[in-house]
Amino acid sequence: MGMIAILVGILQLGCGDIFGDINNLFDPTSDGYAPPETEIVLGPGQNTMLDSANVVFAWRHADENYWPDTAVVYDYPGQILYSYKLDNASWSDWLSGAMVQEYLPPNHTYDDSIGWHYLQFYRLEDGEHRFEIRSKYPSDIEETGWPQRDFSIDAIDGTALIASPAYTLLDSGSTFILTVKMIDVVDLMGVNLVLDYQPDNFAVVEYSLKTDSTGFLALSDGQVLEFLEIDPDQGRFTASIAVAGGSVTGINGSGILARIRFAHTGAAGQHEIVVSDESVMRNVYNDDILDVRQNCQVIVW
């Protein structure tokens, strides 16, 4: 009798037909099988308003047969793959709990003791947001009708200069558009925007300053003056814009200052494009009215 046949015989003698005893819950023909269904177990409730720009979500499979259990043959919860998206960003890569523990992606963790995935978002922009999470089995069976949560954030208090989106997911080597917005300005007459970025990881591809007839600063009757400087070696984008003459009350409200297309040129991971402390906004009395500066966090896959 060959060695393989001897081993098979021992296994059958000790515990029956081992291949017949295994119940693979990723196989639709198996007892206890349930289709992929994600349950959000932590995070903002539907249509809630938050006063914090930092948000945490957690999820797991909705069926308890797929929760951690020391008696199961396979680690089911650790093998289920998940992909998520926030707002209009692209879907993230498919990651299982085991993959999260191996690759340690930024802001995503997995607790194998309870089978929960945790995802943290930092400095989300004021306004409405939508989070979606979907799952897929290793057998390539994908979830349909996955859950989503709509929520709003109202965290900015005062006049702000923000980089939007404050949080974005990006494929390595791709480009994205960063919009710089002015929020709740009063009697604005000039702004000096200084953006700092990592020159090894990003490059400015193109830009537009919204100072033409459709721009926010064009609300003034005065002449708009511009100064622009891009330093690719230091990773700095500087735009100084002022209104000469015109309405003595300045400009009030919220609007877009600039749109900048960045290309990712470096390493994957968690990066940041910073609205520098050197950025200022001045009113008709030459007072600095800028209260809040909001950066952009970029997660590169």
C-alpha atoms as a PDB file:
ATOM      1  CA  MET A   1       0.000   0.000   0.000  1.00  0.00           C
ATOM      2  CA  GLY A   2       1.380   3.423  -0.937  1.00  0.00           C
ATOM      3  CA  MET A   3       2.183   6.051   1.666  1.00  0.00           C
ATOM      4  CA  ILE A   4      -0.705   8.339   0.568  1.00  0.00           C
ATOM      5  CA  ALA A   5      -3.208   5.504   0.871  1.00  0.00           C
ATOM      6  CA  ILE A   6      -1.923   4.666   4.364  1.00  0.00           C
ATOM      7  CA  LEU A   7      -2.358   8.284   5.518  1.00  0.00           C
ATOM      8  CA  VAL A   8      -5.884   8.494   4.086  1.00  0.00           C
ATOM      9  CA  GLY A   9      -6.777   5.268   5.870  1.00  0.00           C
ATOM     10  CA  ILE A  10      -5.512   6.590   9.198  1.00  0.00           C
ATOM     11  CA  LEU A  11      -7.540   9.789   8.824  1.00  0.00           C
ATOM     12  CA  GLN A  12     -10.700   7.877   7.953  1.00  0.00           C
ATOM     13  CA  LEU A  13     -10.188   5.517  10.878  1.00  0.00           C
ATOM     14  CA  GLY A  14      -9.600   8.302  13.396  1.00  0.00           C
ATOM     15  CA  CYS A  15     -12.309  10.789  12.471  1.00  0.00           C
ATOM     16  CA  GLY A  16     -14.350   9.440   9.610  1.00  0.00           C
ATOM     17  CA  ASP A  17     -14.119  10.877   6.119  1.00  0.00           C
ATOM     18  CA  ILE A  18     -12.429  14.167   6.971  1.00  0.00           C
ATOM     19  CA  PHE A  19     -13.313  15.702   3.634  1.00  0.00           C
ATOM     20  CA  GLY A  20     -16.971  14.897   4.148  1.00  0.00           C
ATOM     21  CA  ASP A  21     -17.066  16.263   7.698  1.00  0.00           C
ATOM     22  CA  ILE A  22     -15.924  19.769   6.825  1.00  0.00           C
ATOM     23  CA  ASN A  23     -18.838  22.153   6.351  1.00  0.00           C
ATOM     24  CA  ASN A  24     -17.575  25.011   4.183  1.00  0.00           C
ATOM     25  CA  LEU A  25     -19.820  28.010   4.880  1.00  0.00           C
ATOM     26  CA  PHE A  26     -18.489  29.739   1.765  1.00  0.00           C
ATOM     27  CA  ASP A  27     -20.089  26.974  -0.343  1.00  0.00           C
ATOM     28  CA  PRO A  28     -23.799  27.637  -1.112  1.00  0.00           C
ATOM     29  CA  THR A  29     -24.519  23.881  -0.922  1.00  0.00           C
ATOM     30  CA  SER A  30     -23.273  23.616   2.675  1.00  0.00           C
ATOM     31  CA  ASP A  31     -25.504  23.427   5.717  1.00  0.00           C
ATOM     32  CA  GLY A  32     -25.711  26.756   7.507  1.00  0.00           C
ATOM     33  CA  TYR A  33     -24.661  28.744   4.435  1.00  0.00           C
ATOM     34  CA  ALA A  34     -25.844  32.348   4.283  1.00  0.00           C
ATOM     35  CA  PRO A  35     -25.122  34.819   1.464  1.00  0.00           C
ATOM     36  CA  PRO A  36     -22.710  37.695   2.142  1.00  0.00           C
ATOM     37  CA  GLU A  37     -24.451  40.258   4.339  1.00  0.00           C
ATOM     38  CA  THR A  38     -22.636  43.002   6.226  1.00  0.00           C
ATOM     39  CA  GLU A  39     -23.832  44.395   9.550  1.00  0.00           C
ATOM     40  CA  ILE A  40     -22.640  47.834  10.664  1.00  0.00           C
ATOM     41  CA  VAL A  41     -22.195  47.468  14.427  1.00  0.00           C
ATOM     42  CA  LEU A  42     -20.630  50.844  15.250  1.00  0.00           C
ATOM     43  CA  GLY A  43     -20.872  54.297  13.704  1.00  0.00           C
ATOM     44  CA  PRO A  44     -23.220  57.237  13.194  1.00  0.00           C
ATOM     45  CA  GLY A  45     -26.884  56.376  12.917  1.00  0.00           C
ATOM     46  CA  GLN A  46     -28.807  57.014   9.734  1.00  0.00           C
ATOM     47  CA  ASN A  47     -29.307  60.740   9.041  1.00  0.00           C
ATOM     48  CA  THR A  48     -27.567  61.840  12.246  1.00  0.00           C
ATOM     49  CA  MET A  49     -25.733  65.167  12.658  1.00  0.00           C
ATOM     50  CA  LEU A  50     -22.282  65.087  14.262  1.00  0.00           C
ATOM     51  CA  ASP A  51     -20.308  67.938  15.807  1.00  0.00           C
ATOM     52  CA  SER A  52     -17.032  66.060  15.353  1.00  0.00           C
ATOM     53  CA  ALA A  53     -15.059  65.657  12.127  1.00  0.00           C
ATOM     54  CA  ASN A  54     -13.651  62.270  13.253  1.00  0.00           C
ATOM     55  CA  VAL A  55     -15.818  59.204  12.645  1.00  0.00           C
ATOM     56  CA  VAL A  56     -15.383  55.492  13.397  1.00  0.00           C
ATOM     57  CA  PHE A  57     -17.274  52.627  11.743  1.00  0.00           C
ATOM     58  CA  ALA A  58     -17.172  48.939  12.638  1.00  0.00           C
ATOM     59  CA  TRP A  59     -18.752  45.969  10.884  1.00  0.00           C
ATOM     60  CA  ARG A  60     -18.977  42.169  10.691  1.00  0.00           C
ATOM     61  CA  HIS A  61     -21.047  39.502   8.965  1.00  0.00           C
ATOM     62  CA  ALA A  62     -24.727  39.706   9.894  1.00  0.00           C
ATOM     63  CA  ASP A  63     -25.089  35.922  10.414  1.00  0.00           C
ATOM     64  CA  GLU A  64     -23.766  34.575  13.718  1.00  0.00           C
ATOM     65  CA  ASN A  65     -22.585  31.376  12.006  1.00  0.00           C
ATOM     66  CA  TYR A  66     -19.791  33.499  10.545  1.00  0.00           C
ATOM     67  CA  TRP A  67     -18.716  35.038  13.857  1.00  0.00           C
ATOM     68  CA  PRO A  68     -15.578  33.845  15.697  1.00  0.00           C
ATOM     69  CA  ASP A  69     -15.985  30.368  17.121  1.00  0.00           C
ATOM     70  CA  THR A  70     -13.136  28.177  18.328  1.00  0.00           C
ATOM     71  CA  ALA A  71     -15.077  25.084  17.282  1.00  0.00           C
ATOM     72  CA  VAL A  72     -15.191  25.875  13.579  1.00  0.00           C
ATOM     73  CA  VAL A  73     -12.748  24.297  11.173  1.00  0.00           C
ATOM     74  CA  TYR A  74     -12.056  27.505   9.278  1.00  0.00           C
ATOM     75  CA  ASP A  75     -11.586  31.075  10.503  1.00  0.00           C
ATOM     76  CA  TYR A  76     -14.600  32.344   8.556  1.00  0.00           C
ATOM     77  CA  PRO A  77     -14.727  35.957   9.785  1.00  0.00           C
ATOM     78  CA  GLY A  78     -11.035  36.443   9.113  1.00  0.00           C
ATOM     79  CA  GLN A  79     -11.378  35.328   5.501  1.00  0.00           C
ATOM     80  CA  ILE A  80     -14.389  37.372   4.370  1.00  0.00           C
ATOM     81  CA  LEU A  81     -13.292  40.243   2.121  1.00  0.00           C
ATOM     82  CA  TYR A  82     -14.664  43.770   2.473  1.00  0.00           C
ATOM     83  CA  SER A  83     -14.536  46.920   0.367  1.00  0.00           C
ATOM     84  CA  TYR A  84     -15.797  50.345   1.413  1.00  0.00           C
ATOM     85  CA  LYS A  85     -16.259  53.842   0.035  1.00  0.00           C
ATOM     86  CA  LEU A  86     -16.975  57.284   1.401  1.00  0.00           C
ATOM     87  CA  ASP A  87     -19.000  59.756  -0.661  1.00  0.00           C
ATOM     88  CA  ASN A  88     -17.842  59.850  -4.290  1.00  0.00           C
ATOM     89  CA  ALA A  89     -14.461  58.223  -3.729  1.00  0.00           C
ATOM     90  CA  SER A  90     -13.577  54.949  -5.459  1.00  0.00           C
ATOM     91  CA  TRP A  91     -14.197  51.646  -3.734  1.00  0.00           C
ATOM     92  CA  SER A  92     -11.292  50.502  -1.593  1.00  0.00           C
ATOM     93  CA  ASP A  93      -9.379  47.314  -2.313  1.00  0.00           C
ATOM     94  CA  TRP A  94     -10.905  44.052  -1.100  1.00  0.00           C
ATOM     95  CA  LEU A  95      -9.354  43.184   2.278  1.00  0.00           C
ATOM     96  CA  SER A  96     -10.032  40.327   4.670  1.00  0.00           C
ATOM     97  CA  GLY A  97      -9.307  40.475   8.375  1.00  0.00           C
ATOM     98  CA  ALA A  98      -6.226  38.318   7.867  1.00  0.00           C
ATOM     99  CA  MET A  99      -4.999  40.682   5.146  1.00  0.00           C
ATOM    100  CA  VAL A 100      -5.586  43.727   7.359  1.00  0.00           C
ATOM    101  CA  GLN A 101      -3.450  42.174  10.097  1.00  0.00           C
ATOM    102  CA  GLU A 102      -0.730  41.321   7.599  1.00  0.00           C
ATOM    103  CA  TYR A 103      -0.570  44.556   5.588  1.00  0.00           C
ATOM    104  CA  LEU A 104      -1.640  47.043   8.323  1.00  0.00           C
ATOM    105  CA  PRO A 105      -3.469  49.502   6.040  1.00  0.00           C
ATOM    106  CA  PRO A 106      -3.809  53.045   7.413  1.00  0.00           C
ATOM    107  CA  ASN A 107      -6.933  53.675   9.524  1.00  0.00           C
ATOM    108  CA  HIS A 108      -8.246  50.078   9.139  1.00  0.00           C
ATOM    109  CA  THR A 109      -7.861  47.469  11.900  1.00  0.00           C
ATOM    110  CA  TYR A 110      -9.283  44.013  12.600  1.00  0.00           C
ATOM    111  CA  ASP A 111     -10.008  42.438  15.984  1.00  0.00           C
ATOM    112  CA  ASP A 112      -9.836  38.678  15.503  1.00  0.00           C
ATOM    113  CA  SER A 113     -11.187  38.016  19.001  1.00  0.00           C
ATOM    114  CA  ILE A 114     -14.643  39.320  18.025  1.00  0.00           C
ATOM    115  CA  GLY A 115     -14.351  39.445  14.229  1.00  0.00           C
ATOM    116  CA  TRP A 116     -14.965  43.188  13.940  1.00  0.00           C
ATOM    117  CA  HIS A 117     -13.394  45.483  11.361  1.00  0.00           C
ATOM    118  CA  TYR A 118     -12.755  49.080  12.473  1.00  0.00           C
ATOM    119  CA  LEU A 119     -12.330  52.018  10.107  1.00  0.00           C
ATOM    120  CA  GLN A 120     -11.441  55.539  11.233  1.00  0.00           C
ATOM    121  CA  PHE A 121     -11.990  58.735   9.242  1.00  0.00           C
ATOM    122  CA  TYR A 122     -10.300  61.922  10.396  1.00  0.00           C
ATOM    123  CA  ARG A 123     -11.162  65.580   9.744  1.00  0.00           C
ATOM    124  CA  LEU A 124     -14.139  64.984   7.503  1.00  0.00           C
ATOM    125  CA  GLU A 125     -15.544  68.063   5.836  1.00  0.00           C
ATOM    126  CA  ASP A 126     -18.664  69.778   7.119  1.00  0.00           C
ATOM    127  CA  GLY A 127     -21.717  68.697   5.170  1.00  0.00           C
ATOM    128  CA  GLU A 128     -23.429  65.483   4.124  1.00  0.00           C
ATOM    129  CA  HIS A 129     -21.600  62.152   3.813  1.00  0.00           C
ATOM    130  CA  ARG A 130     -22.416  58.594   2.834  1.00  0.00           C
ATOM    131  CA  PHE A 131     -20.511  55.490   3.963  1.00  0.00           C
ATOM    132  CA  GLU A 132     -20.972  52.158   2.147  1.00  0.00           C
ATOM    133  CA  ILE A 133     -19.533  48.749   2.978  1.00  0.00           C
ATOM    134  CA  ARG A 134     -19.831  45.523   0.952  1.00  0.00           C
ATOM    135  CA  SER A 135     -18.477  41.993   1.359  1.00  0.00           C
ATOM    136  CA  LYS A 136     -17.317  39.093  -0.745  1.00  0.00           C
ATOM    137  CA  TYR A 137     -16.511  35.478   0.046  1.00  0.00           C
ATOM    138  CA  PRO A 138     -13.229  33.845  -1.015  1.00  0.00           C
ATOM    139  CA  SER A 139     -15.447  31.876  -3.421  1.00  0.00           C
ATOM    140  CA  ASP A 140     -16.103  35.218  -5.230  1.00  0.00           C
ATOM    141  CA  ILE A 141     -19.749  35.423  -4.168  1.00  0.00           C
ATOM    142  CA  GLU A 142     -20.443  39.151  -3.667  1.00  0.00           C
ATOM    143  CA  GLU A 143     -22.965  40.902  -1.483  1.00  0.00           C
ATOM    144  CA  THR A 144     -25.914  42.668  -3.093  1.00  0.00           C
ATOM    145  CA  GLY A 145     -27.893  45.415  -1.403  1.00  0.00           C
ATOM    146  CA  TRP A 146     -25.018  46.260   0.936  1.00  0.00           C
ATOM    147  CA  PRO A 147     -25.611  48.688   3.850  1.00  0.00           C
ATOM    148  CA  GLN A 148     -24.955  52.402   3.763  1.00  0.00           C
ATOM    149  CA  ARG A 149     -25.127  55.204   6.304  1.00  0.00           C
ATOM    150  CA  ASP A 150     -25.984  58.816   5.534  1.00  0.00           C
ATOM    151  CA  PHE A 151     -24.775  61.316   8.106  1.00  0.00           C
ATOM    152  CA  SER A 152     -23.832  64.981   8.355  1.00  0.00           C
ATOM    153  CA  ILE A 153     -21.028  66.873  10.075  1.00  0.00           C
ATOM    154  CA  ASP A 154     -21.135  70.392  11.506  1.00  0.00           C
ATOM    155  CA  ALA A 155     -17.752  70.800  13.193  1.00  0.00           C
ATOM    156  CA  ILE A 156     -16.346  74.072  11.833  1.00  0.00           C
ATOM    157  CA  ASP A 157     -16.928  77.105  14.033  1.00  0.00           C
ATOM    158  CA  GLY A 158     -15.756  80.369  12.506  1.00  0.00           C
ATOM    159  CA  THR A 159     -14.128  81.504   9.288  1.00  0.00           C
ATOM    160  CA  ALA A 160     -12.288  78.660   7.596  1.00  0.00           C
ATOM    161  CA  LEU A 161      -9.914  77.868   4.764  1.00  0.00           C
ATOM    162  CA  ILE A 162     -10.314  74.189   3.980  1.00  0.00           C
ATOM    163  CA  ALA A 163      -8.842  71.619   1.636  1.00  0.00           C
ATOM    164  CA  SER A 164     -11.660  69.530   0.164  1.00  0.00           C
ATOM    165  CA  PRO A 165     -12.105  66.633   0.329  1.00  0.00           C
ATOM    166  CA  ALA A 166     -10.608  66.488   3.795  1.00  0.00           C
ATOM    167  CA  TYR A 167     -10.238  62.734   3.334  1.00  0.00           C
ATOM    168  CA  THR A 168      -9.706  60.861   0.083  1.00  0.00           C
ATOM    169  CA  LEU A 169      -8.809  57.342  -1.058  1.00  0.00           C
ATOM    170  CA  LEU A 170      -6.436  57.194  -3.997  1.00  0.00           C
ATOM    171  CA  ASP A 171      -4.969  54.500  -6.219  1.00  0.00           C
ATOM    172  CA  SER A 172      -1.190  54.613  -6.397  1.00  0.00           C
ATOM    173  CA  GLY A 173       0.058  56.637  -9.364  1.00  0.00           C
ATOM    174  CA  SER A 174      -3.290  58.326 -10.061  1.00  0.00           C
ATOM    175  CA  THR A 175      -4.421  61.960  -9.827  1.00  0.00           C
ATOM    176  CA  PHE A 176      -7.086  63.779  -7.842  1.00  0.00           C
ATOM    177  CA  ILE A 177      -8.502  67.291  -7.619  1.00  0.00           C
ATOM    178  CA  LEU A 178      -8.155  69.244  -4.396  1.00  0.00           C
ATOM    179  CA  THR A 179     -10.593  72.118  -3.956  1.00  0.00           C
ATOM    180  CA  VAL A 180      -9.685  74.948  -1.590  1.00  0.00           C
ATOM    181  CA  LYS A 181     -12.770  76.572  -0.090  1.00  0.00           C
ATOM    182  CA  MET A 182     -13.346  79.708   2.001  1.00  0.00           C
ATOM    183  CA  ILE A 183     -16.105  79.272   4.583  1.00  0.00           C
ATOM    184  CA  ASP A 184     -18.170  82.035   6.251  1.00  0.00           C
ATOM    185  CA  VAL A 185     -15.901  84.975   5.426  1.00  0.00           C
ATOM    186  CA  VAL A 186     -16.903  88.499   6.456  1.00  0.00           C
ATOM    187  CA  ASP A 187     -15.681  91.660   4.688  1.00  0.00           C
ATOM    188  CA  LEU A 188     -12.961  89.670   2.906  1.00  0.00           C
ATOM    189  CA  MET A 189     -10.503  91.676   0.847  1.00  0.00           C
ATOM    190  CA  GLY A 190      -7.551  89.330   0.427  1.00  0.00           C
ATOM    191  CA  VAL A 191      -6.258  85.818   1.033  1.00  0.00           C
ATOM    192  CA  ASN A 192      -2.823  84.240   1.110  1.00  0.00           C
ATOM    193  CA  LEU A 193      -3.061  80.485   0.574  1.00  0.00           C
ATOM    194  CA  VAL A 194      -0.039  78.313   1.346  1.00  0.00           C
ATOM    195  CA  LEU A 195      -0.342  74.565   0.749  1.00  0.00           C
ATOM    196  CA  ASP A 196       2.460  72.243   1.806  1.00  0.00           C
ATOM    197  CA  TYR A 197       2.754  68.756   0.303  1.00  0.00           C
ATOM    198  CA  GLN A 198       5.377  66.027   0.240  1.00  0.00           C
ATOM    199  CA  PRO A 199       7.388  66.546  -2.976  1.00  0.00           C
ATOM    200  CA  ASP A 200       8.468  62.892  -3.026  1.00  0.00           C
ATOM    201  CA  ASN A 201       4.838  61.776  -3.065  1.00  0.00           C
ATOM    202  CA  PHE A 202       2.873  64.452  -4.945  1.00  0.00           C
ATOM    203  CA  ALA A 203       3.228  66.881  -7.823  1.00  0.00           C
ATOM    204  CA  VAL A 204       0.996  69.736  -8.999  1.00  0.00           C
ATOM    205  CA  VAL A 205      -0.284  68.869 -12.484  1.00  0.00           C
ATOM    206  CA  GLU A 206      -2.599  71.804 -13.121  1.00  0.00           C
ATOM    207  CA  TYR A 207      -4.593  74.416 -11.251  1.00  0.00           C
ATOM    208  CA  SER A 208      -7.226  77.117 -11.623  1.00  0.00           C
ATOM    209  CA  LEU A 209      -7.813  80.126  -9.397  1.00  0.00           C
ATOM    210  CA  LYS A 210     -11.465  81.106  -9.159  1.00  0.00           C
ATOM    211  CA  THR A 211     -10.916  84.822  -9.710  1.00  0.00           C
ATOM    212  CA  ASP A 212     -12.592  85.181 -13.095  1.00  0.00           C
ATOM    213  CA  SER A 213     -16.180  86.316 -13.687  1.00  0.00           C
ATOM    214  CA  THR A 214     -17.507  83.073 -12.170  1.00  0.00           C
ATOM    215  CA  GLY A 215     -15.287  83.182  -9.102  1.00  0.00           C
ATOM    216  CA  PHE A 216     -16.244  83.986  -5.537  1.00  0.00           C
ATOM    217  CA  LEU A 217     -13.843  86.929  -5.325  1.00  0.00           C
ATOM    218  CA  ALA A 218     -15.478  88.457  -8.397  1.00  0.00           C
ATOM    219  CA  LEU A 219     -18.393  89.399  -6.130  1.00  0.00           C
ATOM    220  CA  SER A 220     -16.386  92.519  -5.384  1.00  0.00           C
ATOM    221  CA  ASP A 221     -16.561  95.521  -7.723  1.00  0.00           C
ATOM    222  CA  GLY A 222     -12.804  95.966  -7.449  1.00  0.00           C
ATOM    223  CA  GLN A 223      -9.918  94.619  -9.470  1.00  0.00           C
ATOM    224  CA  VAL A 224      -8.652  91.173  -8.448  1.00  0.00           C
ATOM    225  CA  LEU A 225      -4.857  90.924  -8.166  1.00  0.00           C
ATOM    226  CA  GLU A 226      -3.093  87.540  -8.223  1.00  0.00           C
ATOM    227  CA  PHE A 227       0.329  86.205  -7.307  1.00  0.00           C
ATOM    228  CA  LEU A 228       1.140  82.522  -7.735  1.00  0.00           C
ATOM    229  CA  GLU A 229       4.254  80.468  -6.968  1.00  0.00           C
ATOM    230  CA  ILE A 230       4.776  76.701  -7.128  1.00  0.00           C
ATOM    231  CA  ASP A 231       7.939  75.208  -5.601  1.00  0.00           C
ATOM    232  CA  PRO A 232       8.075  71.522  -6.647  1.00  0.00           C
ATOM    233  CA  ASP A 233      11.334  70.910  -4.773  1.00  0.00           C
ATOM    234  CA  GLN A 234       9.977  72.087  -1.423  1.00  0.00           C
ATOM    235  CA  GLY A 235       6.424  70.924  -2.098  1.00  0.00           C
ATOM    236  CA  ARG A 236       4.714  74.289  -1.692  1.00  0.00           C
ATOM    237  CA  PHE A 237       1.820  75.941  -3.555  1.00  0.00           C
ATOM    238  CA  THR A 238       1.337  79.665  -2.792  1.00  0.00           C
ATOM    239  CA  ALA A 239      -1.483  81.854  -4.104  1.00  0.00           C
ATOM    240  CA  SER A 240      -1.978  85.440  -2.931  1.00  0.00           C
ATOM    241  CA  ILE A 241      -5.167  87.132  -4.118  1.00  0.00           C
ATOM    242  CA  ALA A 242      -6.418  90.591  -3.206  1.00  0.00           C
ATOM    243  CA  VAL A 243      -9.257  92.889  -4.186  1.00  0.00           C
ATOM    244  CA  ALA A 244      -8.121  96.419  -5.008  1.00  0.00           C
ATOM    245  CA  GLY A 245     -10.811  99.031  -4.443  1.00  0.00           C
ATOM    246  CA  GLY A 246     -14.389  97.990  -5.074  1.00  0.00           C
ATOM    247  CA  SER A 247     -16.924  97.424  -2.328  1.00  0.00           C
ATOM    248  CA  VAL A 248     -15.765  98.855   0.972  1.00  0.00           C
ATOM    249  CA  THR A 249     -17.697  96.157   2.804  1.00  0.00           C
ATOM    250  CA  GLY A 250     -15.650  93.388   1.213  1.00  0.00           C
ATOM    251  CA  ILE A 251     -16.999  89.925   0.364  1.00  0.00           C
ATOM    252  CA  ASN A 252     -19.261  87.833   2.585  1.00  0.00           C
ATOM    253  CA  GLY A 253     -20.214  84.177   2.477  1.00  0.00           C
ATOM    254  CA  SER A 254     -18.550  80.980   1.289  1.00  0.00           C
ATOM    255  CA  GLY A 255     -16.959  80.010  -2.002  1.00  0.00           C
ATOM    256  CA  ILE A 256     -14.178  78.277  -3.924  1.00  0.00           C
ATOM    257  CA  LEU A 257     -10.717  79.817  -4.015  1.00  0.00           C
ATOM    258  CA  ALA A 258      -8.794  77.298  -6.135  1.00  0.00           C
ATOM    259  CA  ARG A 259      -8.845  73.861  -7.707  1.00  0.00           C
ATOM    260  CA  ILE A 260      -5.554  71.969  -7.909  1.00  0.00           C
ATOM    261  CA  ARG A 261      -4.918  68.629  -9.590  1.00  0.00           C
ATOM    262  CA  PHE A 262      -2.283  66.588  -7.777  1.00  0.00           C
ATOM    263  CA  ALA A 263      -0.571  63.474  -9.137  1.00  0.00           C
ATOM    264  CA  HIS A 264       0.624  60.776  -6.767  1.00  0.00           C
ATOM    265  CA  THR A 265       4.268  60.030  -7.563  1.00  0.00           C
ATOM    266  CA  GLY A 266       5.628  58.226  -4.520  1.00  0.00           C
ATOM    267  CA  ALA A 267       4.879  55.619  -1.887  1.00  0.00           C
ATOM    268  CA  ALA A 268       1.559  54.192  -0.787  1.00  0.00           C
ATOM    269  CA  GLY A 269       0.283  54.853   2.709  1.00  0.00           C
ATOM    270  CA  GLN A 270      -1.172  57.768   4.633  1.00  0.00           C
ATOM    271  CA  HIS A 271      -0.167  61.276   3.521  1.00  0.00           C
ATOM    272  CA  GLU A 272      -1.341  64.826   4.128  1.00  0.00           C
ATOM    273  CA  ILE A 273      -1.643  68.054   2.164  1.00  0.00           C
ATOM    274  CA  VAL A 274      -1.471  70.864   4.705  1.00  0.00           C
ATOM    275  CA  VAL A 275      -3.076  74.297   4.763  1.00  0.00           C
ATOM    276  CA  SER A 276      -0.051  76.010   6.303  1.00  0.00           C
ATOM    277  CA  ASP A 277      -0.183  78.310   9.320  1.00  0.00           C
ATOM    278  CA  GLU A 278       1.200  80.949   6.959  1.00  0.00           C
ATOM    279  CA  SER A 279      -2.195  81.055   5.236  1.00  0.00           C
ATOM    280  CA  VAL A 280      -4.208  84.156   6.158  1.00  0.00           C
ATOM    281  CA  MET A 281      -7.429  85.900   5.151  1.00  0.00           C
ATOM    282  CA  ARG A 282      -7.752  89.657   5.699  1.00  0.00           C
ATOM    283  CA  ASN A 283     -10.779  91.909   5.871  1.00  0.00           C
ATOM    284  CA  VAL A 284     -11.255  95.552   4.887  1.00  0.00           C
ATOM    285  CA  TYR A 285      -9.528  96.616   8.131  1.00  0.00           C
ATOM    286  CA  ASN A 286      -6.496  94.406   7.340  1.00  0.00           C
ATOM    287  CA  ASP A 287      -7.370  92.095  10.245  1.00  0.00           C
ATOM    288  CA  ASP A 288      -6.644  88.365   9.895  1.00  0.00           C
ATOM    289  CA  ILE A 289     -10.087  86.736  10.062  1.00  0.00           C
ATOM    290  CA  LEU A 290      -9.009  83.116   9.542  1.00  0.00           C
ATOM    291  CA  ASP A 291     -10.094  80.893  12.458  1.00  0.00           C
ATOM    292  CA  VAL A 292      -9.862  77.339  11.085  1.00  0.00           C
ATOM    293  CA  ARG A 293      -7.461  75.633   8.691  1.00  0.00           C
ATOM    294  CA  GLN A 294      -8.408  72.156   7.487  1.00  0.00           C
ATOM    295  CA  ASN A 295      -5.954  69.801   5.784  1.00  0.00           C
ATOM    296  CA  CYS A 296      -6.511  66.945   3.334  1.00  0.00           C
ATOM    297  CA  GLN A 297      -5.664  63.405   4.384  1.00  0.00           C
ATOM    298  CA  VAL A 298      -4.800  61.147   1.444  1.00  0.00           C
ATOM    299  CA  ILE A 299      -4.838  57.362   1.795  1.00  0.00           C
ATOM    300  CA  VAL A 300      -2.949  55.787  -1.105  1.00  0.00           C
ATOM    301  CA  TRP A 301      -3.472  52.103  -1.868  1.00  0.00           C
END
